[in-house]
Amino acid sequence: MTALVTISDAEAPQGVRLPTESDVTIYPESLNNGRGVYAPSALDLADELSGTGVVARPWHELADCEISSEREPVTAAILSVVLGIVSSAGWEAIKRVLRRRSRDDRVSLTIGWRDGTAERWIRVDGPADAVAEAIDRLPR
């Protein structure tokens, strides 16, 4: 049986662009007086990705980051994050990290990348391993 993965078009985070200084950029879930508010799982993901050898960091400098203390509902995805991916190494790293997760881990990723000269943004939801397979088939 094939795991259900949904892919839909998404909007870019307001006021940001895809940087070229890192392989993967993690965007905040919100802003608080100009400081990026990040879920703990988003910053953990940055560490996991960095462990694969890519440059992965939050949109804001660490001194300008706040950690969200809000608890998500139990039914929410284990990992829900907005990513900008600008290199082949970044794509491979995110797939590798997703494939390491439990089959029961649900993820919700909003991903942006350059498609030629334009930016493209999508949202992908489903089990981590199936999401890894789905993003492997994306045209880029």
C-alpha atoms as a PDB file:
ATOM      1  CA  MET A   1       0.000   0.000   0.000  1.00  0.00           C
ATOM      2  CA  THR A   2       1.337   3.439  -0.930  1.00  0.00           C
ATOM      3  CA  ALA A   3       1.486   6.023   1.847  1.00  0.00           C
ATOM      4  CA  LEU A   4      -0.633   9.099   1.242  1.00  0.00           C
ATOM      5  CA  VAL A   5       1.410  12.211   0.495  1.00  0.00           C
ATOM      6  CA  THR A   6      -0.199  15.486  -0.489  1.00  0.00           C
ATOM      7  CA  ILE A   7       1.633  18.132  -2.483  1.00  0.00           C
ATOM      8  CA  SER A   8       0.169  21.582  -3.057  1.00  0.00           C
ATOM      9  CA  ASP A   9       1.374  25.005  -4.141  1.00  0.00           C
ATOM     10  CA  ALA A  10       2.351  27.301  -1.275  1.00  0.00           C
ATOM     11  CA  GLU A  11       3.151  30.949  -0.726  1.00  0.00           C
ATOM     12  CA  ALA A  12       6.675  32.075   0.088  1.00  0.00           C
ATOM     13  CA  PRO A  13       7.112  33.364   3.632  1.00  0.00           C
ATOM     14  CA  GLN A  14       6.324  37.067   3.638  1.00  0.00           C
ATOM     15  CA  GLY A  15       9.309  39.350   3.105  1.00  0.00           C
ATOM     16  CA  VAL A  16      11.962  36.671   2.553  1.00  0.00           C
ATOM     17  CA  ARG A  17      13.995  35.422  -0.350  1.00  0.00           C
ATOM     18  CA  LEU A  18      15.966  32.268  -0.976  1.00  0.00           C
ATOM     19  CA  PRO A  19      19.479  33.021   0.244  1.00  0.00           C
ATOM     20  CA  THR A  20      22.582  31.571  -1.364  1.00  0.00           C
ATOM     21  CA  GLU A  21      24.781  31.515   1.758  1.00  0.00           C
ATOM     22  CA  SER A  22      23.549  28.117   2.967  1.00  0.00           C
ATOM     23  CA  ASP A  23      22.384  24.853   1.430  1.00  0.00           C
ATOM     24  CA  VAL A  24      19.195  24.864   3.522  1.00  0.00           C
ATOM     25  CA  THR A  25      17.545  27.803   5.267  1.00  0.00           C
ATOM     26  CA  ILE A  26      14.921  27.257   7.952  1.00  0.00           C
ATOM     27  CA  TYR A  27      12.331  30.018   8.226  1.00  0.00           C
ATOM     28  CA  PRO A  28      10.601  31.100  11.455  1.00  0.00           C
ATOM     29  CA  GLU A  29       7.025  30.127  12.263  1.00  0.00           C
ATOM     30  CA  SER A  30       6.365  33.754  13.255  1.00  0.00           C
ATOM     31  CA  LEU A  31       8.031  37.043  14.200  1.00  0.00           C
ATOM     32  CA  ASN A  32       8.117  38.760  17.582  1.00  0.00           C
ATOM     33  CA  ASN A  33       9.423  42.343  17.463  1.00  0.00           C
ATOM     34  CA  GLY A  34      11.661  41.469  14.513  1.00  0.00           C
ATOM     35  CA  ARG A  35      12.991  38.288  16.125  1.00  0.00           C
ATOM     36  CA  GLY A  36      12.331  34.934  14.473  1.00  0.00           C
ATOM     37  CA  VAL A  37      10.261  32.497  16.522  1.00  0.00           C
ATOM     38  CA  TYR A  38      11.256  28.890  15.781  1.00  0.00           C
ATOM     39  CA  ALA A  39       9.810  25.586  16.948  1.00  0.00           C
ATOM     40  CA  PRO A  40      12.382  23.482  18.809  1.00  0.00           C
ATOM     41  CA  SER A  41      11.979  20.776  16.143  1.00  0.00           C
ATOM     42  CA  ALA A  42      12.985  23.270  13.432  1.00  0.00           C
ATOM     43  CA  LEU A  43      16.275  24.088  15.137  1.00  0.00           C
ATOM     44  CA  ASP A  44      16.841  20.374  15.825  1.00  0.00           C
ATOM     45  CA  LEU A  45      16.379  19.803  12.086  1.00  0.00           C
ATOM     46  CA  ALA A  46      19.061  22.414  11.362  1.00  0.00           C
ATOM     47  CA  ASP A  47      21.436  20.460  13.614  1.00  0.00           C
ATOM     48  CA  GLU A  48      20.522  17.143  11.943  1.00  0.00           C
ATOM     49  CA  LEU A  49      21.080  18.610   8.487  1.00  0.00           C
ATOM     50  CA  SER A  50      24.387  20.173   9.529  1.00  0.00           C
ATOM     51  CA  GLY A  51      25.429  16.729  10.764  1.00  0.00           C
ATOM     52  CA  THR A  52      25.165  15.463   7.176  1.00  0.00           C
ATOM     53  CA  GLY A  53      27.776  18.000   6.073  1.00  0.00           C
ATOM     54  CA  VAL A  54      25.586  20.742   4.587  1.00  0.00           C
ATOM     55  CA  VAL A  55      25.261  24.328   5.749  1.00  0.00           C
ATOM     56  CA  ALA A  56      21.809  24.560   7.358  1.00  0.00           C
ATOM     57  CA  ARG A  57      20.761  27.496   9.483  1.00  0.00           C
ATOM     58  CA  PRO A  58      17.799  29.594  10.521  1.00  0.00           C
ATOM     59  CA  TRP A  59      16.856  32.713   8.546  1.00  0.00           C
ATOM     60  CA  HIS A  60      17.750  34.852  11.582  1.00  0.00           C
ATOM     61  CA  GLU A  61      21.093  34.972  13.343  1.00  0.00           C
ATOM     62  CA  LEU A  62      20.953  32.819  16.478  1.00  0.00           C
ATOM     63  CA  ALA A  63      21.061  35.933  18.682  1.00  0.00           C
ATOM     64  CA  ASP A  64      17.798  37.029  17.009  1.00  0.00           C
ATOM     65  CA  CYS A  65      15.993  33.675  17.416  1.00  0.00           C
ATOM     66  CA  GLU A  66      13.387  32.765  20.000  1.00  0.00           C
ATOM     67  CA  ILE A  67      12.256  29.232  20.738  1.00  0.00           C
ATOM     68  CA  SER A  68       8.505  28.708  20.596  1.00  0.00           C
ATOM     69  CA  SER A  69       7.045  27.404  23.825  1.00  0.00           C
ATOM     70  CA  GLU A  70       3.614  26.636  22.381  1.00  0.00           C
ATOM     71  CA  ARG A  71       2.642  22.981  22.376  1.00  0.00           C
ATOM     72  CA  GLU A  72       1.152  21.642  19.175  1.00  0.00           C
ATOM     73  CA  PRO A  73      -1.906  19.393  19.266  1.00  0.00           C
ATOM     74  CA  VAL A  74      -1.141  15.681  19.487  1.00  0.00           C
ATOM     75  CA  THR A  75      -2.590  15.228  15.987  1.00  0.00           C
ATOM     76  CA  ALA A  76      -0.135  17.719  14.478  1.00  0.00           C
ATOM     77  CA  ALA A  77       2.803  16.654  12.366  1.00  0.00           C
ATOM     78  CA  ILE A  78       5.895  15.587  14.284  1.00  0.00           C
ATOM     79  CA  LEU A  79       7.874  18.027  12.124  1.00  0.00           C
ATOM     80  CA  SER A  80       6.301  21.106  10.561  1.00  0.00           C
ATOM     81  CA  VAL A  81       8.784  23.538   9.050  1.00  0.00           C
ATOM     82  CA  VAL A  82       9.407  25.956   6.172  1.00  0.00           C
ATOM     83  CA  LEU A  83      12.641  25.337   4.250  1.00  0.00           C
ATOM     84  CA  GLY A  84      14.513  27.043   1.451  1.00  0.00           C
ATOM     85  CA  ILE A  85      16.775  24.622  -0.422  1.00  0.00           C
ATOM     86  CA  VAL A  86      19.350  26.045  -2.815  1.00  0.00           C
ATOM     87  CA  SER A  87      21.772  23.188  -3.523  1.00  0.00           C
ATOM     88  CA  SER A  88      21.777  19.547  -4.583  1.00  0.00           C
ATOM     89  CA  ALA A  89      23.529  18.736  -1.310  1.00  0.00           C
ATOM     90  CA  GLY A  90      20.644  20.389   0.559  1.00  0.00           C
ATOM     91  CA  TRP A  91      18.073  18.231  -1.265  1.00  0.00           C
ATOM     92  CA  GLU A  92      20.042  15.053  -0.547  1.00  0.00           C
ATOM     93  CA  ALA A  93      20.472  15.986   3.123  1.00  0.00           C
ATOM     94  CA  ILE A  94      16.764  16.624   3.735  1.00  0.00           C
ATOM     95  CA  LYS A  95      15.850  13.305   2.076  1.00  0.00           C
ATOM     96  CA  ARG A  96      18.485  11.474   4.154  1.00  0.00           C
ATOM     97  CA  VAL A  97      17.208  13.012   7.406  1.00  0.00           C
ATOM     98  CA  LEU A  98      13.572  12.199   6.558  1.00  0.00           C
ATOM     99  CA  ARG A  99      14.425   8.580   5.723  1.00  0.00           C
ATOM    100  CA  ARG A 100      16.020   8.156   9.172  1.00  0.00           C
ATOM    101  CA  ARG A 101      12.744   8.972  10.915  1.00  0.00           C
ATOM    102  CA  SER A 102      10.172   6.429  12.030  1.00  0.00           C
ATOM    103  CA  ARG A 103       7.582   5.348   9.453  1.00  0.00           C
ATOM    104  CA  ASP A 104       4.952   6.738  11.841  1.00  0.00           C
ATOM    105  CA  ASP A 105       6.488  10.238  11.931  1.00  0.00           C
ATOM    106  CA  ARG A 106       4.321  12.657   9.986  1.00  0.00           C
ATOM    107  CA  VAL A 107       5.909  15.727   8.465  1.00  0.00           C
ATOM    108  CA  SER A 108       4.581  18.888   6.919  1.00  0.00           C
ATOM    109  CA  LEU A 109       7.197  20.739   4.902  1.00  0.00           C
ATOM    110  CA  THR A 110       6.837  23.957   2.984  1.00  0.00           C
ATOM    111  CA  ILE A 111       9.774  23.993   0.582  1.00  0.00           C
ATOM    112  CA  GLY A 112      11.075  26.742  -1.652  1.00  0.00           C
ATOM    113  CA  TRP A 113      13.691  26.459  -4.394  1.00  0.00           C
ATOM    114  CA  ARG A 114      14.765  28.085  -7.626  1.00  0.00           C
ATOM    115  CA  ASP A 115      13.155  26.582 -10.698  1.00  0.00           C
ATOM    116  CA  GLY A 116      15.171  28.225 -13.446  1.00  0.00           C
ATOM    117  CA  THR A 117      14.950  31.952 -12.764  1.00  0.00           C
ATOM    118  CA  ALA A 118      11.765  31.777 -10.651  1.00  0.00           C
ATOM    119  CA  GLU A 119      11.190  30.667  -7.081  1.00  0.00           C
ATOM    120  CA  ARG A 120       8.782  27.787  -6.543  1.00  0.00           C
ATOM    121  CA  TRP A 121       7.103  27.002  -3.201  1.00  0.00           C
ATOM    122  CA  ILE A 122       5.128  23.883  -2.313  1.00  0.00           C
ATOM    123  CA  ARG A 123       3.759  22.174   0.776  1.00  0.00           C
ATOM    124  CA  VAL A 124       4.293  18.420   1.219  1.00  0.00           C
ATOM    125  CA  ASP A 125       2.476  16.441   3.935  1.00  0.00           C
ATOM    126  CA  GLY A 126       2.687  12.772   4.870  1.00  0.00           C
ATOM    127  CA  PRO A 127       4.816  10.088   6.506  1.00  0.00           C
ATOM    128  CA  ALA A 128       8.499  11.091   6.597  1.00  0.00           C
ATOM    129  CA  ASP A 129       9.796   8.302   4.347  1.00  0.00           C
ATOM    130  CA  ALA A 130       7.033   8.851   1.767  1.00  0.00           C
ATOM    131  CA  VAL A 131       7.671  12.614   1.779  1.00  0.00           C
ATOM    132  CA  ALA A 132      11.363  11.904   1.091  1.00  0.00           C
ATOM    133  CA  GLU A 133      10.361   9.809  -1.938  1.00  0.00           C
ATOM    134  CA  ALA A 134       7.910  12.472  -3.149  1.00  0.00           C
ATOM    135  CA  ILE A 135      10.439  15.300  -3.007  1.00  0.00           C
ATOM    136  CA  ASP A 136      12.964  13.082  -4.776  1.00  0.00           C
ATOM    137  CA  ARG A 137      10.635  13.145  -7.798  1.00  0.00           C
ATOM    138  CA  LEU A 138      10.132  16.930  -7.855  1.00  0.00           C
ATOM    139  CA  PRO A 139      11.407  18.705 -10.974  1.00  0.00           C
ATOM    140  CA  ARG A 140      14.250  21.048 -10.096  1.00  0.00           C
END
